[in-house]
Amino acid sequence: MIQWRPVRQFLVVVIWVTALITATGAILGAGIWPLVGLVAGSIQHPNDLVLTGAKTLGFYFFLWAPGSGIVVAAVREWRRRHPESPPG
């Protein structure tokens, strides 16, 4: 019989890490994209640059986020099952 608690914890960690990385990318994109547009002399409205930056960097960060989430969750679960291993 499978114990659902570790599976649930694994999935929660993967989802949270994925959401955190994606949100970080969107926030960075919303801040950096208009600055780059200003320096490059863009004629687009700053609100359009903010939206484009949030979507673009949010998407790029989302490409890496699920894999990172799986690695973080797997390492966390391994450490939970092997508490006698030295850190580092």
N, C-alpha and C. Protein backbone atom coordinates (compact mmCIF):
# COMPACT_ATOMS: atom_id res chain seq x y z
N MET A 1 0.85 -1.19 0.00
CA MET A 1 0.00 0.00 0.00
C MET A 1 0.88 1.24 0.00
N ILE A 2 0.58 2.16 -0.86
CA ILE A 2 1.38 3.38 -0.98
C ILE A 2 0.99 4.38 0.11
N GLN A 3 2.00 5.01 0.66
CA GLN A 3 1.74 6.08 1.63
C GLN A 3 1.64 7.39 0.86
N TRP A 4 0.53 8.08 0.97
CA TRP A 4 0.28 9.26 0.16
C TRP A 4 0.92 10.52 0.71
N ARG A 5 1.29 10.55 1.97
CA ARG A 5 1.85 11.77 2.53
C ARG A 5 3.16 12.19 1.84
N PRO A 6 4.15 11.29 1.65
CA PRO A 6 5.36 11.71 0.94
C PRO A 6 5.10 12.14 -0.50
N VAL A 7 4.18 11.48 -1.17
CA VAL A 7 3.84 11.84 -2.55
C VAL A 7 3.23 13.24 -2.58
N ARG A 8 2.32 13.49 -1.65
CA ARG A 8 1.68 14.80 -1.57
C ARG A 8 2.70 15.89 -1.27
N GLN A 9 3.62 15.61 -0.32
CA GLN A 9 4.65 16.59 0.00
C GLN A 9 5.55 16.86 -1.20
N PHE A 10 5.90 15.82 -1.93
CA PHE A 10 6.73 15.97 -3.12
C PHE A 10 6.05 16.87 -4.14
N LEU A 11 4.78 16.62 -4.40
CA LEU A 11 4.03 17.42 -5.37
C LEU A 11 3.88 18.88 -4.91
N VAL A 12 3.64 19.08 -3.63
CA VAL A 12 3.51 20.45 -3.11
C VAL A 12 4.82 21.21 -3.28
N VAL A 13 5.94 20.56 -2.99
CA VAL A 13 7.24 21.23 -3.15
C VAL A 13 7.49 21.56 -4.62
N VAL A 14 7.20 20.63 -5.52
CA VAL A 14 7.40 20.88 -6.96
C VAL A 14 6.54 22.06 -7.42
N ILE A 15 5.29 22.09 -7.01
CA ILE A 15 4.39 23.17 -7.43
C ILE A 15 4.83 24.51 -6.86
N TRP A 16 5.22 24.53 -5.57
CA TRP A 16 5.65 25.79 -4.97
C TRP A 16 6.93 26.32 -5.59
N VAL A 17 7.89 25.46 -5.83
CA VAL A 17 9.14 25.91 -6.45
C VAL A 17 8.88 26.40 -7.87
N THR A 18 8.04 25.70 -8.60
CA THR A 18 7.69 26.13 -9.96
C THR A 18 7.01 27.50 -9.94
N ALA A 19 6.06 27.68 -9.05
CA ALA A 19 5.36 28.97 -8.95
C ALA A 19 6.30 30.08 -8.53
N LEU A 20 7.17 29.80 -7.58
CA LEU A 20 8.10 30.82 -7.09
C LEU A 20 9.07 31.25 -8.18
N ILE A 21 9.64 30.30 -8.90
CA ILE A 21 10.59 30.65 -9.97
C ILE A 21 9.89 31.39 -11.09
N THR A 22 8.69 30.96 -11.47
CA THR A 22 7.95 31.63 -12.54
C THR A 22 7.58 33.06 -12.13
N ALA A 23 7.11 33.24 -10.90
CA ALA A 23 6.76 34.58 -10.43
C ALA A 23 7.99 35.48 -10.37
N THR A 24 9.12 34.92 -9.96
CA THR A 24 10.35 35.71 -9.93
C THR A 24 10.71 36.18 -11.33
N GLY A 25 10.58 35.31 -12.31
CA GLY A 25 10.86 35.70 -13.70
C GLY A 25 9.92 36.78 -14.19
N ALA A 26 8.65 36.68 -13.85
CA ALA A 26 7.68 37.69 -14.28
C ALA A 26 7.97 39.04 -13.63
N ILE A 27 8.33 39.02 -12.36
CA ILE A 27 8.63 40.28 -11.66
C ILE A 27 9.90 40.91 -12.22
N LEU A 28 10.93 40.09 -12.44
CA LEU A 28 12.15 40.62 -13.03
C LEU A 28 11.90 41.18 -14.43
N GLY A 29 11.12 40.45 -15.21
CA GLY A 29 10.80 40.92 -16.56
C GLY A 29 10.04 42.22 -16.55
N ALA A 30 9.11 42.36 -15.61
CA ALA A 30 8.33 43.60 -15.52
C ALA A 30 9.21 44.77 -15.12
N GLY A 31 10.29 44.51 -14.40
CA GLY A 31 11.18 45.59 -13.98
C GLY A 31 12.29 45.89 -14.98
N ILE A 32 12.85 44.84 -15.57
CA ILE A 32 14.01 45.01 -16.44
C ILE A 32 13.62 45.44 -17.86
N TRP A 33 12.56 44.87 -18.38
CA TRP A 33 12.18 45.12 -19.78
C TRP A 33 11.95 46.60 -20.08
N PRO A 34 11.22 47.33 -19.25
CA PRO A 34 11.04 48.75 -19.54
C PRO A 34 12.35 49.54 -19.47
N LEU A 35 13.25 49.14 -18.56
CA LEU A 35 14.55 49.83 -18.48
C LEU A 35 15.37 49.61 -19.74
N VAL A 36 15.38 48.41 -20.23
CA VAL A 36 16.09 48.12 -21.48
C VAL A 36 15.42 48.86 -22.64
N GLY A 37 14.09 48.90 -22.63
CA GLY A 37 13.39 49.65 -23.68
C GLY A 37 13.70 51.13 -23.63
N LEU A 38 13.85 51.68 -22.44
CA LEU A 38 14.19 53.09 -22.29
C LEU A 38 15.60 53.36 -22.82
N VAL A 39 16.54 52.50 -22.47
CA VAL A 39 17.92 52.66 -22.93
C VAL A 39 18.02 52.47 -24.43
N ALA A 40 17.26 51.53 -24.98
CA ALA A 40 17.30 51.25 -26.41
C ALA A 40 16.49 52.24 -27.23
N GLY A 41 15.74 53.11 -26.58
CA GLY A 41 14.95 54.10 -27.29
C GLY A 41 13.68 53.55 -27.90
N SER A 42 13.02 52.65 -27.22
CA SER A 42 11.79 52.05 -27.71
C SER A 42 10.67 53.10 -27.78
N ILE A 43 9.83 52.95 -28.79
CA ILE A 43 8.71 53.88 -28.94
C ILE A 43 7.42 53.33 -28.33
N GLN A 44 7.49 52.11 -27.79
CA GLN A 44 6.31 51.51 -27.17
C GLN A 44 6.03 52.18 -25.83
N HIS A 45 4.77 52.14 -25.44
CA HIS A 45 4.35 52.68 -24.15
C HIS A 45 4.96 51.84 -23.03
N PRO A 46 5.39 52.46 -21.92
CA PRO A 46 6.00 51.69 -20.83
C PRO A 46 5.12 50.57 -20.28
N ASN A 47 3.80 50.76 -20.28
CA ASN A 47 2.92 49.69 -19.81
C ASN A 47 3.00 48.46 -20.71
N ASP A 48 3.14 48.69 -22.01
CA ASP A 48 3.30 47.57 -22.94
C ASP A 48 4.62 46.85 -22.69
N LEU A 49 5.66 47.61 -22.39
CA LEU A 49 6.96 47.00 -22.10
C LEU A 49 6.91 46.18 -20.82
N VAL A 50 6.21 46.67 -19.81
CA VAL A 50 6.07 45.93 -18.55
C VAL A 50 5.35 44.60 -18.81
N LEU A 51 4.26 44.65 -19.54
CA LEU A 51 3.49 43.44 -19.84
C LEU A 51 4.31 42.46 -20.68
N THR A 52 5.00 42.96 -21.69
CA THR A 52 5.83 42.10 -22.53
C THR A 52 6.95 41.46 -21.72
N GLY A 53 7.58 42.24 -20.86
CA GLY A 53 8.66 41.72 -20.03
C GLY A 53 8.18 40.66 -19.07
N ALA A 54 7.03 40.89 -18.44
CA ALA A 54 6.49 39.90 -17.49
C ALA A 54 6.14 38.60 -18.21
N LYS A 55 5.54 38.70 -19.39
CA LYS A 55 5.18 37.50 -20.13
C LYS A 55 6.41 36.76 -20.65
N THR A 56 7.37 37.51 -21.19
CA THR A 56 8.53 36.88 -21.79
C THR A 56 9.43 36.21 -20.76
N LEU A 57 9.87 36.96 -19.75
CA LEU A 57 10.75 36.37 -18.75
C LEU A 57 10.01 35.36 -17.88
N GLY A 58 8.73 35.59 -17.62
CA GLY A 58 7.94 34.61 -16.90
C GLY A 58 7.90 33.28 -17.64
N PHE A 59 7.76 33.35 -18.96
CA PHE A 59 7.75 32.13 -19.78
C PHE A 59 9.11 31.44 -19.76
N TYR A 60 10.18 32.22 -19.94
CA TYR A 60 11.52 31.62 -19.94
C TYR A 60 11.85 30.99 -18.59
N PHE A 61 11.49 31.65 -17.51
CA PHE A 61 11.72 31.07 -16.19
C PHE A 61 10.85 29.83 -15.99
N PHE A 62 9.64 29.84 -16.55
CA PHE A 62 8.75 28.68 -16.42
C PHE A 62 9.31 27.46 -17.14
N LEU A 63 10.09 27.66 -18.19
CA LEU A 63 10.69 26.53 -18.88
C LEU A 63 11.64 25.75 -17.97
N TRP A 64 12.33 26.46 -17.08
CA TRP A 64 13.29 25.82 -16.17
C TRP A 64 12.67 25.45 -14.83
N ALA A 65 11.58 26.06 -14.47
CA ALA A 65 11.02 25.90 -13.12
C ALA A 65 10.58 24.48 -12.78
N PRO A 66 9.85 23.76 -13.62
CA PRO A 66 9.43 22.41 -13.22
C PRO A 66 10.60 21.46 -12.97
N GLY A 67 11.61 21.53 -13.81
CA GLY A 67 12.78 20.69 -13.60
C GLY A 67 13.48 21.01 -12.31
N SER A 68 13.62 22.30 -12.02
CA SER A 68 14.23 22.72 -10.76
C SER A 68 13.39 22.26 -9.58
N GLY A 69 12.09 22.36 -9.71
CA GLY A 69 11.19 21.91 -8.65
C GLY A 69 11.31 20.42 -8.37
N ILE A 70 11.44 19.64 -9.42
CA ILE A 70 11.59 18.20 -9.24
C ILE A 70 12.91 17.88 -8.55
N VAL A 71 13.98 18.57 -8.93
CA VAL A 71 15.28 18.34 -8.30
C VAL A 71 15.24 18.73 -6.83
N VAL A 72 14.66 19.89 -6.52
CA VAL A 72 14.57 20.33 -5.12
C VAL A 72 13.75 19.34 -4.30
N ALA A 73 12.63 18.90 -4.83
CA ALA A 73 11.78 17.95 -4.11
C ALA A 73 12.47 16.60 -3.93
N ALA A 74 13.20 16.14 -4.95
CA ALA A 74 13.91 14.86 -4.84
C ALA A 74 15.02 14.92 -3.81
N VAL A 75 15.79 16.01 -3.81
CA VAL A 75 16.85 16.17 -2.81
C VAL A 75 16.26 16.24 -1.41
N ARG A 76 15.16 16.97 -1.26
CA ARG A 76 14.51 17.08 0.05
C ARG A 76 14.02 15.72 0.54
N GLU A 77 13.43 14.95 -0.35
CA GLU A 77 12.94 13.62 0.02
C GLU A 77 14.10 12.68 0.34
N TRP A 78 15.18 12.75 -0.42
CA TRP A 78 16.33 11.89 -0.14
C TRP A 78 16.91 12.21 1.23
N ARG A 79 17.02 13.49 1.54
CA ARG A 79 17.55 13.88 2.85
C ARG A 79 16.62 13.45 3.97
N ARG A 80 15.32 13.43 3.71
CA ARG A 80 14.37 12.98 4.73
C ARG A 80 14.54 11.49 4.99
N ARG A 81 14.80 10.73 3.95
CA ARG A 81 14.95 9.27 4.10
C ARG A 81 16.34 8.86 4.59
N HIS A 82 17.33 9.73 4.44
CA HIS A 82 18.71 9.43 4.85
C HIS A 82 19.21 10.51 5.81
N PRO A 83 18.66 10.56 7.00
CA PRO A 83 19.07 11.63 7.93
C PRO A 83 20.49 11.46 8.48
N GLU A 84 21.07 10.26 8.36
CA GLU A 84 22.39 10.03 8.90
C GLU A 84 23.50 10.53 7.99
N SER A 85 23.17 10.89 6.74
CA SER A 85 24.18 11.37 5.80
C SER A 85 24.68 12.75 6.24
N PRO A 86 25.99 13.00 6.12
CA PRO A 86 26.51 14.32 6.50
C PRO A 86 26.06 15.37 5.49
N PRO A 87 25.79 16.59 5.95
CA PRO A 87 25.38 17.65 5.02
C PRO A 87 26.53 18.06 4.12
N GLY A 88 26.16 18.56 2.93
CA GLY A 88 27.17 19.09 2.02
C GLY A 88 27.66 18.06 1.14
